[in-house]
């Protein structure tokens, strides 16, 4: 993996022209970098550790200076339409209203229960590289709380918290195997006995 190639992958996968050529005020370069970090976590790749590395990689890839691919605003910079006129930045915030809708929530859980005909309804919440689907927004906290309550999980890792710099999972060496348990069935704890 060459250094910072995830910045280029992110740019190629998650860019599009600004709607009507209008640059959104909220899409600062700092926010785009945070979106890139989120994209990186979803795809489990290495990433540019600093926003400066991210900016420099994009500028190099576009064969332009940083000043050419951005526009300055009051106390902030935003990515502008680049010399490749068709490209500009896009964020995951577009997905949040969709994954936060009651329809997505209902389709997601019905699909997870085996109703295969609903997969098409989840397309806007899917990750094309991993083939996974985003949890409904309302379920994120509930799901994390449920994981924290399970004693087997707590033996494997401590509480997961995100502080804006990525997720940290403190794990220990174990021979346990992670696997799905059908809905309503008990979680086998014999694998964790003796750890």
Protein backbone atom coordinates (compact mmCIF):
# COMPACT_ATOMS: atom_id res chain seq x y z
CA UNK A 1 0.00 0.00 0.00
CA UNK A 2 1.65 3.23 -1.04
CA UNK A 3 1.49 6.06 1.46
CA UNK A 4 -1.82 7.91 1.70
CA UNK A 5 -3.42 6.07 -1.24
CA UNK A 6 -6.63 5.99 0.79
CA UNK A 7 -6.91 9.77 0.32
CA UNK A 8 -6.98 9.15 -3.43
CA UNK A 9 -9.41 6.24 -3.08
CA UNK A 10 -11.66 8.42 -0.94
CA UNK A 11 -11.51 11.22 -3.49
CA UNK A 12 -12.31 8.90 -6.41
CA UNK A 13 -15.15 7.13 -4.59
CA UNK A 14 -16.77 10.02 -2.72
CA UNK A 15 -16.56 13.08 -5.00
CA UNK A 16 -19.04 14.73 -7.31
CA UNK A 17 -19.79 18.20 -8.70
CA UNK A 18 -21.32 20.72 -6.34
CA UNK A 19 -25.05 21.07 -6.93
CA UNK A 20 -25.57 24.01 -9.33
CA UNK A 21 -21.87 24.86 -8.94
CA UNK A 22 -22.57 26.22 -5.43
CA UNK A 23 -20.05 25.36 -2.72
CA UNK A 24 -21.77 24.43 0.54
CA UNK A 25 -20.61 26.67 3.38
CA UNK A 26 -20.52 23.86 5.95
CA UNK A 27 -18.11 21.68 3.94
CA UNK A 28 -14.83 23.07 5.23
CA UNK A 29 -11.57 21.25 4.52
CA UNK A 30 -11.40 20.24 8.20
CA UNK A 31 -14.85 18.69 8.07
CA UNK A 32 -14.01 16.86 4.84
CA UNK A 33 -10.95 15.41 6.58
CA UNK A 34 -13.19 14.13 9.40
CA UNK A 35 -15.48 12.57 6.80
CA UNK A 36 -12.41 10.95 5.23
CA UNK A 37 -11.47 9.52 8.65
CA UNK A 38 -14.99 8.07 8.96
CA UNK A 39 -14.74 6.59 5.49
CA UNK A 40 -11.36 5.11 6.42
CA UNK A 41 -12.80 3.47 9.55
CA UNK A 42 -15.62 1.90 7.52
CA UNK A 43 -13.16 0.49 5.00
CA UNK A 44 -10.45 -0.54 7.51
CA UNK A 45 -7.59 0.95 5.54
CA UNK A 46 -4.48 2.89 6.51
CA UNK A 47 -4.94 6.63 6.25
CA UNK A 48 -3.23 10.00 6.19
CA UNK A 49 -2.61 10.65 9.88
CA UNK A 50 -2.70 14.44 9.52
CA UNK A 51 -5.09 16.67 7.62
CA UNK A 52 -2.02 18.29 6.06
CA UNK A 53 -0.97 14.93 4.57
CA UNK A 54 -4.51 14.47 3.26
CA UNK A 55 -4.54 17.93 1.60
CA UNK A 56 -1.08 17.47 0.10
CA UNK A 57 -1.98 14.04 -1.29
CA UNK A 58 -5.12 15.40 -2.97
CA UNK A 59 -3.26 18.39 -4.39
CA UNK A 60 -0.55 16.12 -5.78
CA UNK A 61 -3.12 13.73 -7.25
CA UNK A 62 -4.93 16.62 -8.95
CA UNK A 63 -1.59 18.04 -10.12
CA UNK A 64 -2.38 21.39 -8.53
CA UNK A 65 -1.42 23.51 -5.55
CA UNK A 66 -3.55 23.44 -2.43
CA UNK A 67 -4.56 27.05 -3.14
CA UNK A 68 -5.86 25.98 -6.58
CA UNK A 69 -8.20 23.29 -5.25
CA UNK A 70 -9.63 25.34 -2.38
CA UNK A 71 -11.42 28.61 -1.87
CA UNK A 72 -10.93 30.75 1.24
CA UNK A 73 -13.84 31.77 3.41
CA UNK A 74 -13.97 33.68 6.66
CA UNK A 75 -11.50 31.80 8.89
CA UNK A 76 -11.80 28.57 6.88
CA UNK A 77 -11.10 26.93 3.54
CA UNK A 78 -13.37 24.80 1.38
CA UNK A 79 -12.64 22.47 -1.49
CA UNK A 80 -13.60 24.15 -4.73
CA UNK A 81 -14.23 22.63 -8.12
CA UNK A 82 -10.83 21.36 -9.15
CA UNK A 83 -9.05 21.54 -12.46
CA UNK A 84 -10.89 18.27 -13.21
CA UNK A 85 -14.14 20.24 -13.41
CA UNK A 86 -16.31 17.22 -12.64
CA UNK A 87 -14.77 16.59 -9.20
CA UNK A 88 -15.45 18.09 -5.79
CA UNK A 89 -15.91 16.72 -2.31
CA UNK A 90 -19.00 14.94 -0.97
CA UNK A 91 -19.72 14.00 2.65
CA UNK A 92 -21.41 11.21 4.51
CA UNK A 93 -23.89 13.72 5.85
CA UNK A 94 -25.98 12.93 2.77
CA UNK A 95 -26.45 9.40 4.09
CA UNK A 96 -27.47 10.40 7.61
CA UNK A 97 -31.00 11.65 6.78
CA UNK A 98 -31.63 8.40 4.91
CA UNK A 99 -30.31 6.05 7.62
CA UNK A 100 -32.17 8.12 10.20
CA UNK A 101 -35.56 7.65 8.55
CA UNK A 102 -38.18 5.32 10.09
CA UNK A 103 -38.46 3.51 6.73
CA UNK A 104 -34.75 2.65 6.71
CA UNK A 105 -34.95 1.48 10.33
CA UNK A 106 -37.88 -0.83 9.55
CA UNK A 107 -36.32 -2.20 6.34
CA UNK A 108 -32.93 -2.72 8.03
CA UNK A 109 -34.29 -4.83 10.88
CA UNK A 110 -36.69 -6.78 8.67
CA UNK A 111 -33.80 -7.56 6.31
CA UNK A 112 -31.63 -8.68 9.23
CA UNK A 113 -34.48 -11.02 10.20
CA UNK A 114 -34.26 -12.72 6.80
CA UNK A 115 -36.66 -10.82 4.55
CA UNK A 116 -34.36 -10.82 1.51
CA UNK A 117 -36.70 -8.84 -0.74
CA UNK A 118 -35.88 -5.62 1.16
CA UNK A 119 -32.14 -5.38 0.37
CA UNK A 120 -32.77 -2.89 -2.45
CA UNK A 121 -34.36 -0.52 0.08
CA UNK A 122 -31.05 -0.41 1.99
CA UNK A 123 -28.89 0.60 -0.97
CA UNK A 124 -28.28 4.18 0.21
CA UNK A 125 -27.02 2.88 3.55
CA UNK A 126 -24.63 0.30 2.11
CA UNK A 127 -20.85 0.29 1.92
CA UNK A 128 -19.90 -0.95 -1.54
CA UNK A 129 -16.42 -2.14 -0.58
CA UNK A 130 -17.38 -4.24 2.44
CA UNK A 131 -20.95 -5.16 1.46
CA UNK A 132 -22.19 -4.04 4.86
CA UNK A 133 -25.07 -1.74 5.78
CA UNK A 134 -25.09 1.21 8.16
CA UNK A 135 -27.04 0.71 11.36
CA UNK A 136 -30.11 2.93 11.59
CA UNK A 137 -29.15 6.12 13.44
CA UNK A 138 -31.53 5.36 16.32
CA UNK A 139 -29.97 1.92 16.84
CA UNK A 140 -26.32 2.94 17.17
CA UNK A 141 -26.49 3.84 20.87
CA UNK A 142 -28.87 1.00 21.74
CA UNK A 143 -26.65 -1.53 19.99
CA UNK A 144 -23.51 -0.27 21.71
CA UNK A 145 -25.26 -0.35 25.11
CA UNK A 146 -26.39 -3.94 24.48
CA UNK A 147 -22.85 -4.97 23.55
CA UNK A 148 -21.46 -3.38 26.69
CA UNK A 149 -23.88 -5.41 28.85
CA UNK A 150 -22.79 -8.80 27.49
CA UNK A 151 -20.24 -10.32 29.84
CA UNK A 152 -18.50 -12.24 27.07
CA UNK A 153 -17.96 -9.05 25.09
CA UNK A 154 -16.65 -7.27 28.16
CA UNK A 155 -14.06 -10.04 28.65
CA UNK A 156 -12.89 -9.59 25.08
CA UNK A 157 -12.73 -5.79 25.05
CA UNK A 158 -13.49 -2.77 27.17
CA UNK A 159 -16.07 -0.08 26.41
CA UNK A 160 -15.77 1.39 22.92
CA UNK A 161 -15.84 5.18 22.83
CA UNK A 162 -15.31 7.57 19.93
CA UNK A 163 -13.72 10.91 20.70
CA UNK A 164 -13.38 12.32 17.20
CA UNK A 165 -10.04 10.61 16.59
CA UNK A 166 -11.36 7.18 15.74
CA UNK A 167 -12.52 4.16 17.64
CA UNK A 168 -10.36 2.38 20.19
CA UNK A 169 -10.97 -1.20 21.18
CA UNK A 170 -8.77 -2.56 23.93
CA UNK A 171 -8.72 -6.28 23.31
CA UNK A 172 -6.91 -9.23 24.78
CA UNK A 173 -5.48 -12.32 23.14
CA UNK A 174 -8.18 -14.96 22.94
CA UNK A 175 -9.14 -17.99 20.89
CA UNK A 176 -12.82 -17.05 20.89
CA UNK A 177 -14.48 -16.83 17.50
CA UNK A 178 -16.93 -14.05 16.68
CA UNK A 179 -20.10 -15.35 15.04
CA UNK A 180 -23.74 -14.39 14.53
CA UNK A 181 -26.36 -15.85 16.83
CA UNK A 182 -29.89 -16.25 15.44
CA UNK A 183 -32.42 -13.83 16.87
CA UNK A 184 -33.94 -15.02 20.13
CA UNK A 185 -31.28 -17.67 20.80
CA UNK A 186 -28.84 -17.50 23.68
CA UNK A 187 -25.22 -16.54 23.25
CA UNK A 188 -22.96 -19.53 23.97
CA UNK A 189 -20.63 -18.56 26.80
CA UNK A 190 -18.65 -21.78 26.91
CA UNK A 191 -16.14 -20.34 24.43
CA UNK A 192 -15.25 -17.63 26.94
CA UNK A 193 -14.91 -19.88 29.98
CA UNK A 194 -11.35 -20.12 31.21
CA UNK A 195 -10.07 -16.99 29.47
